Amino acid sequence: MMALDVSEQQQHLLVDYILLMHKWNKAYNLTSVRDPQDMLIKHILDSIVVSPHLHGSRFIDVGTGPGLPGIPLAILNPDKHFVLLDSLGKRVRFMKQVGFELGLHNITPVQSRVEDYHPEIPFDAVLSRAFASLKDMLHWCAHLVDSQGTFMALKGQFPTQEVETLPEPFVLHDTIELQVPRLEGQRHLLVLGKTSHR
């Protein structure tokens, strides 16, 4: 079971987020998950299990869709800031509305392709959930962090082939098997980084 400290207020915000997603989904087709109860398990719980593994204060969630895992993580971590990057305008409009209605001041939804987005200050970590292969993620996102930054990829089964073909200069730092209540199948968090230059 997840040992996560979620306050009553945070629980209310997470539920409100699900309700907004359910409401907007009818017109905007934000997610293929239709049922709010399924959204709780497949989207919310599946996102917040990453929370204990966040190190740093500035994160970018690439290919975030309707804000996953960035918005649930922002709700749990009001002291951390999350840029939510997606190329589709309707998703970004939805996330801006979520930020407004829930009073989330630590998210910045941005409409851009990841290769076109250049931050003024490097991020502590890149988050990605069902975004791309590890190779593509690292290729497209390498410019978003400095040599100390990490890449956090949420995966289902452990992607053995992807790990075996990691491009230079990237290495796998850690593999964390995530336990998501009531979610069938495996979930893994892969933490990758750039090799330090000798």
N, C-alpha and C. Protein backbone atom coordinates (compact mmCIF):
# COMPACT_ATOMS: atom_id res chain seq x y z
N MET A 1 0.85 -1.21 0.00
CA MET A 1 0.00 0.00 0.00
C MET A 1 0.89 1.26 0.00
N MET A 2 0.40 2.31 -0.59
CA MET A 2 1.20 3.53 -0.67
C MET A 2 1.23 4.24 0.68
N ALA A 3 2.42 4.58 1.11
CA ALA A 3 2.57 5.35 2.34
C ALA A 3 2.68 6.82 1.97
N LEU A 4 1.60 7.38 1.51
CA LEU A 4 1.60 8.78 1.09
C LEU A 4 0.79 9.62 2.07
N ASP A 5 1.33 10.76 2.40
CA ASP A 5 0.65 11.66 3.31
C ASP A 5 -0.18 12.65 2.48
N VAL A 6 -1.47 12.37 2.36
CA VAL A 6 -2.35 13.21 1.56
C VAL A 6 -3.38 13.86 2.50
N SER A 7 -3.33 15.17 2.59
CA SER A 7 -4.24 15.87 3.51
C SER A 7 -5.66 15.85 2.96
N GLU A 8 -6.61 16.19 3.82
CA GLU A 8 -8.01 16.23 3.40
C GLU A 8 -8.21 17.24 2.27
N GLN A 9 -7.54 18.38 2.39
CA GLN A 9 -7.66 19.40 1.35
C GLN A 9 -7.11 18.88 0.01
N GLN A 10 -5.99 18.18 0.07
CA GLN A 10 -5.41 17.62 -1.15
C GLN A 10 -6.33 16.56 -1.76
N GLN A 11 -6.96 15.77 -0.92
CA GLN A 11 -7.92 14.78 -1.41
C GLN A 11 -9.06 15.46 -2.16
N HIS A 12 -9.56 16.56 -1.59
CA HIS A 12 -10.66 17.31 -2.24
C HIS A 12 -10.20 17.86 -3.59
N LEU A 13 -8.97 18.38 -3.64
CA LEU A 13 -8.45 18.92 -4.90
C LEU A 13 -8.30 17.83 -5.96
N LEU A 14 -7.84 16.66 -5.55
CA LEU A 14 -7.69 15.54 -6.49
C LEU A 14 -9.05 15.11 -7.03
N VAL A 15 -10.04 15.06 -6.16
CA VAL A 15 -11.41 14.70 -6.60
C VAL A 15 -11.96 15.77 -7.55
N ASP A 16 -11.74 17.04 -7.20
CA ASP A 16 -12.21 18.12 -8.07
C ASP A 16 -11.54 18.05 -9.44
N TYR A 17 -10.28 17.69 -9.46
CA TYR A 17 -9.56 17.53 -10.72
C TYR A 17 -10.20 16.42 -11.57
N ILE A 18 -10.51 15.29 -10.93
CA ILE A 18 -11.18 14.19 -11.64
C ILE A 18 -12.52 14.67 -12.21
N LEU A 19 -13.27 15.40 -11.42
CA LEU A 19 -14.59 15.87 -11.87
C LEU A 19 -14.46 16.82 -13.07
N LEU A 20 -13.46 17.69 -13.03
CA LEU A 20 -13.21 18.59 -14.16
C LEU A 20 -12.80 17.80 -15.40
N MET A 21 -11.94 16.81 -15.20
CA MET A 21 -11.51 15.98 -16.33
C MET A 21 -12.69 15.25 -16.94
N HIS A 22 -13.56 14.72 -16.09
CA HIS A 22 -14.74 14.00 -16.55
C HIS A 22 -15.67 14.94 -17.32
N LYS A 23 -15.85 16.14 -16.81
CA LYS A 23 -16.73 17.12 -17.44
C LYS A 23 -16.19 17.56 -18.81
N TRP A 24 -14.93 17.90 -18.85
CA TRP A 24 -14.32 18.39 -20.10
C TRP A 24 -14.09 17.27 -21.11
N ASN A 25 -13.98 16.04 -20.62
CA ASN A 25 -13.68 14.91 -21.49
C ASN A 25 -14.77 14.71 -22.54
N LYS A 26 -16.01 15.04 -22.18
CA LYS A 26 -17.13 14.82 -23.10
C LYS A 26 -16.96 15.63 -24.38
N ALA A 27 -16.44 16.85 -24.24
CA ALA A 27 -16.28 17.71 -25.41
C ALA A 27 -14.87 17.68 -25.98
N TYR A 28 -13.88 17.50 -25.09
CA TYR A 28 -12.48 17.67 -25.50
C TYR A 28 -11.74 16.36 -25.73
N ASN A 29 -12.34 15.24 -25.33
CA ASN A 29 -11.69 13.94 -25.51
C ASN A 29 -10.26 13.94 -24.97
N LEU A 30 -10.12 14.28 -23.69
CA LEU A 30 -8.81 14.42 -23.06
C LEU A 30 -8.16 13.08 -22.76
N THR A 31 -8.97 12.08 -22.47
CA THR A 31 -8.45 10.77 -22.08
C THR A 31 -9.44 9.70 -22.52
N SER A 32 -8.91 8.52 -22.81
CA SER A 32 -9.79 7.41 -23.20
C SER A 32 -10.49 6.80 -22.00
N VAL A 33 -10.02 7.15 -20.80
CA VAL A 33 -10.66 6.66 -19.57
C VAL A 33 -11.90 7.52 -19.30
N ARG A 34 -13.06 6.89 -19.30
CA ARG A 34 -14.33 7.64 -19.20
C ARG A 34 -14.90 7.71 -17.79
N ASP A 35 -14.71 6.64 -17.05
CA ASP A 35 -15.35 6.53 -15.74
C ASP A 35 -14.52 7.21 -14.66
N PRO A 36 -15.11 8.11 -13.86
CA PRO A 36 -14.35 8.81 -12.81
C PRO A 36 -13.65 7.88 -11.82
N GLN A 37 -14.28 6.75 -11.51
CA GLN A 37 -13.64 5.79 -10.59
C GLN A 37 -12.38 5.20 -11.22
N ASP A 38 -12.46 4.93 -12.52
CA ASP A 38 -11.27 4.42 -13.23
C ASP A 38 -10.19 5.51 -13.31
N MET A 39 -10.63 6.76 -13.48
CA MET A 39 -9.67 7.87 -13.52
C MET A 39 -8.89 7.97 -12.22
N LEU A 40 -9.58 7.72 -11.11
CA LEU A 40 -8.93 7.77 -9.79
C LEU A 40 -7.77 6.78 -9.74
N ILE A 41 -8.02 5.56 -10.23
CA ILE A 41 -6.99 4.51 -10.15
C ILE A 41 -5.94 4.69 -11.24
N LYS A 42 -6.41 4.80 -12.50
CA LYS A 42 -5.48 4.76 -13.64
C LYS A 42 -4.74 6.08 -13.86
N HIS A 43 -5.30 7.17 -13.36
CA HIS A 43 -4.66 8.47 -13.58
C HIS A 43 -4.10 9.07 -12.29
N ILE A 44 -4.94 9.15 -11.25
CA ILE A 44 -4.52 9.85 -10.03
C ILE A 44 -3.54 9.00 -9.21
N LEU A 45 -3.96 7.81 -8.82
CA LEU A 45 -3.08 6.96 -8.00
C LEU A 45 -1.81 6.62 -8.76
N ASP A 46 -1.96 6.39 -10.08
CA ASP A 46 -0.83 6.04 -10.92
C ASP A 46 0.18 7.19 -11.03
N SER A 47 -0.30 8.41 -10.79
CA SER A 47 0.58 9.59 -10.84
C SER A 47 1.23 9.87 -9.48
N ILE A 48 0.42 9.83 -8.42
CA ILE A 48 0.94 10.29 -7.13
C ILE A 48 1.93 9.31 -6.49
N VAL A 49 1.97 8.05 -6.99
CA VAL A 49 2.97 7.11 -6.43
C VAL A 49 4.39 7.60 -6.72
N VAL A 50 4.54 8.51 -7.66
CA VAL A 50 5.86 9.04 -8.00
C VAL A 50 6.33 10.07 -6.97
N SER A 51 5.39 10.63 -6.21
CA SER A 51 5.68 11.77 -5.34
C SER A 51 6.88 11.58 -4.40
N PRO A 52 7.02 10.43 -3.72
CA PRO A 52 8.16 10.28 -2.79
C PRO A 52 9.52 10.28 -3.49
N HIS A 53 9.52 10.14 -4.82
CA HIS A 53 10.77 10.00 -5.56
C HIS A 53 11.20 11.30 -6.24
N LEU A 54 10.46 12.39 -5.98
CA LEU A 54 10.81 13.68 -6.58
C LEU A 54 11.91 14.36 -5.76
N HIS A 55 13.00 14.69 -6.42
CA HIS A 55 14.10 15.40 -5.75
C HIS A 55 14.38 16.68 -6.53
N GLY A 56 14.30 17.80 -5.83
CA GLY A 56 14.46 19.08 -6.48
C GLY A 56 13.21 19.91 -6.35
N SER A 57 13.15 21.02 -7.06
CA SER A 57 11.99 21.92 -6.92
C SER A 57 11.35 22.30 -8.26
N ARG A 58 12.05 22.06 -9.37
CA ARG A 58 11.52 22.46 -10.69
C ARG A 58 11.46 21.25 -11.61
N PHE A 59 10.25 20.99 -12.10
CA PHE A 59 10.03 19.81 -12.92
C PHE A 59 9.28 20.19 -14.20
N ILE A 60 9.50 19.41 -15.25
CA ILE A 60 8.72 19.58 -16.47
C ILE A 60 8.10 18.23 -16.82
N ASP A 61 6.81 18.24 -17.07
CA ASP A 61 6.05 17.05 -17.43
C ASP A 61 5.81 17.13 -18.94
N VAL A 62 6.51 16.28 -19.71
CA VAL A 62 6.43 16.37 -21.17
C VAL A 62 5.36 15.42 -21.70
N GLY A 63 4.61 15.89 -22.69
CA GLY A 63 3.51 15.10 -23.22
C GLY A 63 2.49 14.81 -22.15
N THR A 64 2.17 15.84 -21.38
CA THR A 64 1.37 15.68 -20.16
C THR A 64 -0.10 15.34 -20.41
N GLY A 65 -0.58 15.57 -21.64
CA GLY A 65 -2.00 15.31 -21.92
C GLY A 65 -2.87 16.24 -21.10
N PRO A 66 -3.78 15.69 -20.30
CA PRO A 66 -4.63 16.55 -19.46
C PRO A 66 -3.96 16.96 -18.15
N GLY A 67 -2.63 16.70 -18.03
CA GLY A 67 -1.91 17.11 -16.82
C GLY A 67 -1.46 15.96 -15.96
N LEU A 68 -1.09 14.86 -16.60
CA LEU A 68 -0.70 13.66 -15.86
C LEU A 68 0.74 13.28 -16.17
N PRO A 69 1.57 13.09 -15.17
CA PRO A 69 1.28 13.08 -13.73
C PRO A 69 1.41 14.45 -13.05
N GLY A 70 1.67 15.52 -13.82
CA GLY A 70 2.04 16.81 -13.25
C GLY A 70 1.05 17.43 -12.29
N ILE A 71 -0.25 17.43 -12.64
CA ILE A 71 -1.23 18.11 -11.77
C ILE A 71 -1.41 17.38 -10.44
N PRO A 72 -1.61 16.05 -10.43
CA PRO A 72 -1.69 15.37 -9.12
C PRO A 72 -0.43 15.57 -8.29
N LEU A 73 0.73 15.56 -8.93
CA LEU A 73 1.98 15.77 -8.18
C LEU A 73 2.09 17.20 -7.66
N ALA A 74 1.58 18.17 -8.43
CA ALA A 74 1.58 19.57 -7.98
C ALA A 74 0.67 19.75 -6.77
N ILE A 75 -0.45 19.03 -6.76
CA ILE A 75 -1.38 19.11 -5.63
C ILE A 75 -0.71 18.56 -4.37
N LEU A 76 0.05 17.48 -4.52
CA LEU A 76 0.72 16.87 -3.36
C LEU A 76 1.98 17.62 -2.94
N ASN A 77 2.55 18.41 -3.86
CA ASN A 77 3.82 19.09 -3.58
C ASN A 77 3.71 20.58 -3.87
N PRO A 78 2.99 21.33 -3.01
CA PRO A 78 2.80 22.76 -3.26
C PRO A 78 4.11 23.56 -3.23
N ASP A 79 5.18 22.96 -2.69
CA ASP A 79 6.47 23.66 -2.63
C ASP A 79 7.30 23.45 -3.90
N LYS A 80 6.81 22.62 -4.83
CA LYS A 80 7.54 22.35 -6.07
C LYS A 80 6.76 22.95 -7.25
N HIS A 81 7.49 23.30 -8.32
CA HIS A 81 6.84 23.90 -9.48
C HIS A 81 6.91 22.95 -10.68
N PHE A 82 5.79 22.91 -11.42
CA PHE A 82 5.68 21.98 -12.55
C PHE A 82 5.28 22.72 -13.82
N VAL A 83 6.12 22.63 -14.84
CA VAL A 83 5.73 23.09 -16.17
C VAL A 83 5.07 21.89 -16.87
N LEU A 84 3.87 22.12 -17.40
CA LEU A 84 3.10 21.05 -18.04
C LEU A 84 3.10 21.30 -19.54
N LEU A 85 3.82 20.48 -20.28
CA LEU A 85 4.05 20.73 -21.70
C LEU A 85 3.22 19.79 -22.57
N ASP A 86 2.45 20.38 -23.46
CA ASP A 86 1.70 19.58 -24.43
C ASP A 86 1.54 20.38 -25.71
N SER A 87 1.48 19.68 -26.83
CA SER A 87 1.40 20.38 -28.12
C SER A 87 -0.04 20.71 -28.53
N LEU A 88 -1.02 20.14 -27.82
CA LEU A 88 -2.43 20.37 -28.19
C LEU A 88 -3.05 21.50 -27.37
N GLY A 89 -3.59 22.48 -28.08
CA GLY A 89 -4.16 23.66 -27.42
C GLY A 89 -5.31 23.35 -26.48
N LYS A 90 -6.17 22.38 -26.86
CA LYS A 90 -7.34 22.09 -26.02
C LYS A 90 -6.91 21.53 -24.66
N ARG A 91 -5.84 20.74 -24.65
CA ARG A 91 -5.35 20.19 -23.38
C ARG A 91 -4.77 21.31 -22.52
N VAL A 92 -4.04 22.22 -23.15
CA VAL A 92 -3.44 23.33 -22.40
C VAL A 92 -4.53 24.24 -21.83
N ARG A 93 -5.58 24.49 -22.62
CA ARG A 93 -6.72 25.30 -22.11
C ARG A 93 -7.36 24.63 -20.91
N PHE A 94 -7.52 23.30 -20.99
CA PHE A 94 -8.09 22.56 -19.87
C PHE A 94 -7.21 22.71 -18.62
N MET A 95 -5.90 22.54 -18.78
CA MET A 95 -5.00 22.62 -17.62
C MET A 95 -4.99 24.02 -17.01
N LYS A 96 -5.09 25.04 -17.85
CA LYS A 96 -5.17 26.41 -17.33
C LYS A 96 -6.44 26.60 -16.53
N GLN A 97 -7.53 26.02 -16.99
CA GLN A 97 -8.79 26.10 -16.27
C GLN A 97 -8.70 25.37 -14.93
N VAL A 98 -8.05 24.21 -14.93
CA VAL A 98 -7.84 23.45 -13.69
C VAL A 98 -7.05 24.30 -12.69
N GLY A 99 -5.98 24.91 -13.17
CA GLY A 99 -5.16 25.76 -12.30
C GLY A 99 -5.95 26.90 -11.71
N PHE A 100 -6.82 27.49 -12.54
CA PHE A 100 -7.65 28.61 -12.09
C PHE A 100 -8.69 28.15 -11.07
N GLU A 101 -9.42 27.08 -11.40
CA GLU A 101 -10.52 26.64 -10.53
C GLU A 101 -10.02 26.03 -9.21
N LEU A 102 -8.87 25.37 -9.25
CA LEU A 102 -8.36 24.72 -8.04
C LEU A 102 -7.37 25.60 -7.29
N GLY A 103 -7.04 26.75 -7.86
CA GLY A 103 -6.11 27.66 -7.20
C GLY A 103 -4.70 27.11 -7.11
N LEU A 104 -4.27 26.43 -8.16
CA LEU A 104 -2.92 25.86 -8.18
C LEU A 104 -1.95 26.89 -8.75
N HIS A 105 -1.08 27.41 -7.91
CA HIS A 105 -0.15 28.44 -8.35
C HIS A 105 1.22 27.87 -8.72
N ASN A 106 1.35 26.55 -8.61
CA ASN A 106 2.66 25.93 -8.88
C ASN A 106 2.66 25.11 -10.16
N ILE A 107 1.72 25.41 -11.07
CA ILE A 107 1.75 24.78 -12.39
C ILE A 107 1.79 25.87 -13.46
N THR A 108 2.49 25.57 -14.56
CA THR A 108 2.53 26.46 -15.71
C THR A 108 2.27 25.63 -16.97
N PRO A 109 1.01 25.59 -17.44
CA PRO A 109 0.73 24.87 -18.69
C PRO A 109 1.33 25.62 -19.88
N VAL A 110 2.00 24.88 -20.77
CA VAL A 110 2.65 25.49 -21.94
C VAL A 110 2.30 24.67 -23.17
N GLN A 111 1.85 25.37 -24.23
CA GLN A 111 1.61 24.69 -25.49
C GLN A 111 2.85 24.80 -26.37
N SER A 112 3.49 23.65 -26.57
CA SER A 112 4.71 23.63 -27.39
C SER A 112 5.08 22.19 -27.68
N ARG A 113 5.77 21.99 -28.79
CA ARG A 113 6.44 20.72 -29.01
C ARG A 113 7.70 20.74 -28.15
N VAL A 114 8.07 19.59 -27.61
CA VAL A 114 9.16 19.55 -26.64
C VAL A 114 10.48 20.05 -27.25
N GLU A 115 10.71 19.75 -28.52
CA GLU A 115 11.98 20.17 -29.13
C GLU A 115 12.05 21.67 -29.36
N ASP A 116 10.87 22.34 -29.33
CA ASP A 116 10.83 23.79 -29.55
C ASP A 116 10.85 24.59 -28.25
N TYR A 117 10.78 23.89 -27.12
CA TYR A 117 10.69 24.57 -25.83
C TYR A 117 12.07 24.66 -25.19
N HIS A 118 12.52 25.88 -24.92
CA HIS A 118 13.85 26.08 -24.34
C HIS A 118 13.74 26.92 -23.07
N PRO A 119 13.86 26.27 -21.91
CA PRO A 119 13.73 26.99 -20.64
C PRO A 119 14.93 27.89 -20.37
N GLU A 120 14.67 28.98 -19.67
CA GLU A 120 15.78 29.88 -19.29
C GLU A 120 16.69 29.22 -18.26
N ILE A 121 16.08 28.45 -17.36
CA ILE A 121 16.84 27.74 -16.32
C ILE A 121 16.56 26.24 -16.48
N PRO A 122 17.59 25.39 -16.44
CA PRO A 122 17.35 23.95 -16.57
C PRO A 122 16.47 23.42 -15.45
N PHE A 123 15.74 22.38 -15.74
CA PHE A 123 14.88 21.74 -14.74
C PHE A 123 15.67 20.72 -13.93
N ASP A 124 15.16 20.41 -12.73
CA ASP A 124 15.78 19.37 -11.91
C ASP A 124 15.49 17.99 -12.48
N ALA A 125 14.30 17.84 -13.08
CA ALA A 125 13.96 16.55 -13.67
C ALA A 125 12.88 16.70 -14.74
N VAL A 126 12.94 15.79 -15.69
CA VAL A 126 11.90 15.66 -16.72
C VAL A 126 11.03 14.48 -16.33
N LEU A 127 9.73 14.68 -16.32
CA LEU A 127 8.78 13.60 -16.05
C LEU A 127 8.11 13.19 -17.36
N SER A 128 7.91 11.89 -17.54
CA SER A 128 7.18 11.45 -18.71
C SER A 128 6.40 10.19 -18.39
N ARG A 129 5.14 10.21 -18.80
CA ARG A 129 4.24 9.07 -18.55
C ARG A 129 3.62 8.69 -19.90
N ALA A 130 3.97 7.51 -20.38
CA ALA A 130 3.43 7.04 -21.66
C ALA A 130 3.67 8.04 -22.78
N PHE A 131 4.85 8.65 -22.75
CA PHE A 131 5.16 9.71 -23.73
C PHE A 131 5.87 9.16 -24.95
N ALA A 132 6.91 8.39 -24.76
CA ALA A 132 7.71 7.89 -25.88
C ALA A 132 8.64 6.81 -25.38
N SER A 133 9.39 6.23 -26.30
CA SER A 133 10.43 5.29 -25.90
C SER A 133 11.49 6.06 -25.12
N LEU A 134 12.28 5.33 -24.33
CA LEU A 134 13.34 6.00 -23.56
C LEU A 134 14.30 6.74 -24.48
N LYS A 135 14.65 6.10 -25.59
CA LYS A 135 15.59 6.71 -26.54
C LYS A 135 15.04 8.03 -27.07
N ASP A 136 13.76 8.03 -27.47
CA ASP A 136 13.15 9.26 -27.99
C ASP A 136 13.01 10.32 -26.90
N MET A 137 12.61 9.88 -25.70
CA MET A 137 12.48 10.82 -24.59
C MET A 137 13.81 11.54 -24.32
N LEU A 138 14.87 10.77 -24.25
CA LEU A 138 16.18 11.35 -23.95
C LEU A 138 16.66 12.25 -25.09
N HIS A 139 16.38 11.84 -26.31
CA HIS A 139 16.78 12.63 -27.48
C HIS A 139 16.07 13.98 -27.50
N TRP A 140 14.75 13.94 -27.26
CA TRP A 140 13.94 15.16 -27.34
C TRP A 140 14.08 16.06 -26.11
N CYS A 141 14.41 15.47 -24.98
CA CYS A 141 14.37 16.23 -23.72
C CYS A 141 15.74 16.55 -23.14
N ALA A 142 16.81 16.15 -23.81
CA ALA A 142 18.15 16.32 -23.25
C ALA A 142 18.47 17.78 -22.91
N HIS A 143 17.90 18.71 -23.69
CA HIS A 143 18.22 20.14 -23.49
C HIS A 143 17.47 20.76 -22.31
N LEU A 144 16.58 19.99 -21.68
CA LEU A 144 15.74 20.56 -20.62
C LEU A 144 16.39 20.51 -19.24
N VAL A 145 17.43 19.70 -19.10
CA VAL A 145 18.13 19.60 -17.81
C VAL A 145 19.62 19.84 -18.02
N ASP A 146 20.32 20.13 -16.91
CA ASP A 146 21.78 20.25 -17.01
C ASP A 146 22.40 18.88 -16.71
N SER A 147 23.70 18.85 -16.52
CA SER A 147 24.38 17.56 -16.33
C SER A 147 23.93 16.83 -15.07
N GLN A 148 23.36 17.58 -14.10
CA GLN A 148 22.90 16.98 -12.85
C GLN A 148 21.44 16.53 -12.91
N GLY A 149 20.72 16.98 -13.93
CA GLY A 149 19.28 16.72 -14.02
C GLY A 149 18.98 15.26 -14.32
N THR A 150 17.78 14.84 -13.97
CA THR A 150 17.39 13.45 -14.20
C THR A 150 16.16 13.38 -15.09
N PHE A 151 15.95 12.18 -15.62
CA PHE A 151 14.79 11.89 -16.46
C PHE A 151 14.02 10.79 -15.76
N MET A 152 12.74 11.03 -15.51
CA MET A 152 11.92 10.07 -14.77
C MET A 152 10.81 9.57 -15.70
N ALA A 153 10.95 8.31 -16.11
CA ALA A 153 10.01 7.73 -17.07
C ALA A 153 9.11 6.73 -16.36
N LEU A 154 7.80 6.96 -16.47
CA LEU A 154 6.82 6.02 -15.92
C LEU A 154 6.49 4.99 -16.98
N LYS A 155 6.73 3.73 -16.65
CA LYS A 155 6.51 2.65 -17.60
C LYS A 155 5.65 1.57 -16.98
N GLY A 156 5.13 0.69 -17.83
CA GLY A 156 4.40 -0.47 -17.34
C GLY A 156 5.40 -1.57 -17.00
N GLN A 157 5.49 -2.56 -17.87
CA GLN A 157 6.49 -3.59 -17.68
C GLN A 157 7.88 -2.99 -17.85
N PHE A 158 8.87 -3.61 -17.21
CA PHE A 158 10.24 -3.11 -17.33
C PHE A 158 10.69 -3.22 -18.80
N PRO A 159 11.09 -2.09 -19.40
CA PRO A 159 11.41 -2.09 -20.84
C PRO A 159 12.86 -2.53 -21.09
N THR A 160 13.10 -3.83 -20.98
CA THR A 160 14.46 -4.38 -21.06
C THR A 160 15.17 -3.93 -22.33
N GLN A 161 14.49 -4.07 -23.48
CA GLN A 161 15.13 -3.75 -24.75
C GLN A 161 15.50 -2.26 -24.84
N GLU A 162 14.60 -1.40 -24.33
CA GLU A 162 14.88 0.04 -24.35
C GLU A 162 16.09 0.39 -23.48
N VAL A 163 16.19 -0.28 -22.33
CA VAL A 163 17.31 0.00 -21.42
C VAL A 163 18.63 -0.49 -22.03
N GLU A 164 18.57 -1.63 -22.71
CA GLU A 164 19.79 -2.19 -23.31
C GLU A 164 20.32 -1.35 -24.45
N THR A 165 19.45 -0.53 -25.05
CA THR A 165 19.87 0.28 -26.21
C THR A 165 19.87 1.78 -25.88
N LEU A 166 20.15 2.10 -24.61
CA LEU A 166 20.21 3.51 -24.22
C LEU A 166 21.33 4.22 -24.98
N PRO A 167 21.04 5.41 -25.53
CA PRO A 167 22.10 6.12 -26.26
C PRO A 167 23.10 6.78 -25.30
N GLU A 168 24.31 6.99 -25.78
CA GLU A 168 25.30 7.78 -25.03
C GLU A 168 24.77 9.22 -24.94
N PRO A 169 25.02 9.96 -23.88
CA PRO A 169 25.79 9.61 -22.68
C PRO A 169 24.89 9.27 -21.51
N PHE A 170 23.77 8.59 -21.76
CA PHE A 170 22.76 8.39 -20.72
C PHE A 170 22.93 7.04 -20.02
N VAL A 171 22.61 7.04 -18.73
CA VAL A 171 22.69 5.80 -17.94
C VAL A 171 21.43 5.68 -17.08
N LEU A 172 21.10 4.44 -16.76
CA LEU A 172 19.99 4.16 -15.86
C LEU A 172 20.51 4.21 -14.43
N HIS A 173 20.00 5.16 -13.65
CA HIS A 173 20.43 5.31 -12.25
C HIS A 173 19.66 4.39 -11.31
N ASP A 174 18.37 4.25 -11.56
CA ASP A 174 17.54 3.53 -10.58
C ASP A 174 16.27 3.01 -11.26
N THR A 175 15.81 1.88 -10.79
CA THR A 175 14.52 1.33 -11.23
C THR A 175 13.68 1.09 -9.98
N ILE A 176 12.52 1.70 -9.95
CA ILE A 176 11.65 1.58 -8.77
C ILE A 176 10.35 0.92 -9.20
N GLU A 177 10.05 -0.21 -8.56
CA GLU A 177 8.79 -0.89 -8.85
C GLU A 177 7.69 -0.21 -8.03
N LEU A 178 6.71 0.32 -8.73
CA LEU A 178 5.66 1.09 -8.06
C LEU A 178 4.47 0.18 -7.74
N GLN A 179 3.91 0.40 -6.57
CA GLN A 179 2.71 -0.34 -6.16
C GLN A 179 1.51 0.60 -6.24
N VAL A 180 0.65 0.37 -7.21
CA VAL A 180 -0.54 1.22 -7.38
C VAL A 180 -1.76 0.41 -6.95
N PRO A 181 -2.44 0.85 -5.88
CA PRO A 181 -3.60 0.10 -5.39
C PRO A 181 -4.64 -0.10 -6.50
N ARG A 182 -5.11 -1.33 -6.61
CA ARG A 182 -6.22 -1.71 -7.51
C ARG A 182 -5.90 -1.57 -9.00
N LEU A 183 -4.62 -1.33 -9.32
CA LEU A 183 -4.25 -1.25 -10.73
C LEU A 183 -3.59 -2.56 -11.14
N GLU A 184 -4.15 -3.18 -12.17
CA GLU A 184 -3.59 -4.44 -12.65
C GLU A 184 -2.35 -4.16 -13.50
N GLY A 185 -1.43 -5.11 -13.47
CA GLY A 185 -0.23 -4.96 -14.27
C GLY A 185 0.89 -4.28 -13.51
N GLN A 186 2.07 -4.36 -14.09
CA GLN A 186 3.26 -3.79 -13.44
C GLN A 186 3.39 -2.31 -13.74
N ARG A 187 4.03 -1.59 -12.81
CA ARG A 187 4.38 -0.19 -13.04
C ARG A 187 5.81 0.03 -12.55
N HIS A 188 6.60 0.66 -13.37
CA HIS A 188 7.99 0.94 -13.02
C HIS A 188 8.31 2.41 -13.24
N LEU A 189 9.11 2.93 -12.35
CA LEU A 189 9.66 4.27 -12.53
C LEU A 189 11.15 4.12 -12.82
N LEU A 190 11.56 4.60 -13.99
CA LEU A 190 12.97 4.54 -14.36
C LEU A 190 13.58 5.92 -14.21
N VAL A 191 14.67 5.99 -13.46
CA VAL A 191 15.37 7.26 -13.25
C VAL A 191 16.69 7.22 -14.03
N LEU A 192 16.81 8.14 -14.99
CA LEU A 192 17.99 8.15 -15.85
C LEU A 192 18.72 9.47 -15.74
N GLY A 193 19.98 9.49 -16.11
CA GLY A 193 20.74 10.72 -16.07
C GLY A 193 21.85 10.71 -17.10
N LYS A 194 22.52 11.83 -17.21
CA LYS A 194 23.67 11.93 -18.10
C LYS A 194 24.91 11.48 -17.32
N THR A 195 25.77 10.75 -17.97
CA THR A 195 27.00 10.34 -17.30
C THR A 195 27.86 11.57 -17.05
N SER A 196 28.50 11.60 -15.91
CA SER A 196 29.32 12.76 -15.58
C SER A 196 30.58 12.74 -16.43
N HIS A 197 30.98 13.91 -16.87
CA HIS A 197 32.17 13.99 -17.72
C HIS A 197 33.42 13.94 -16.84
N ARG A 198 34.30 13.04 -17.17
CA ARG A 198 35.55 12.94 -16.39
C ARG A 198 36.52 14.02 -16.79
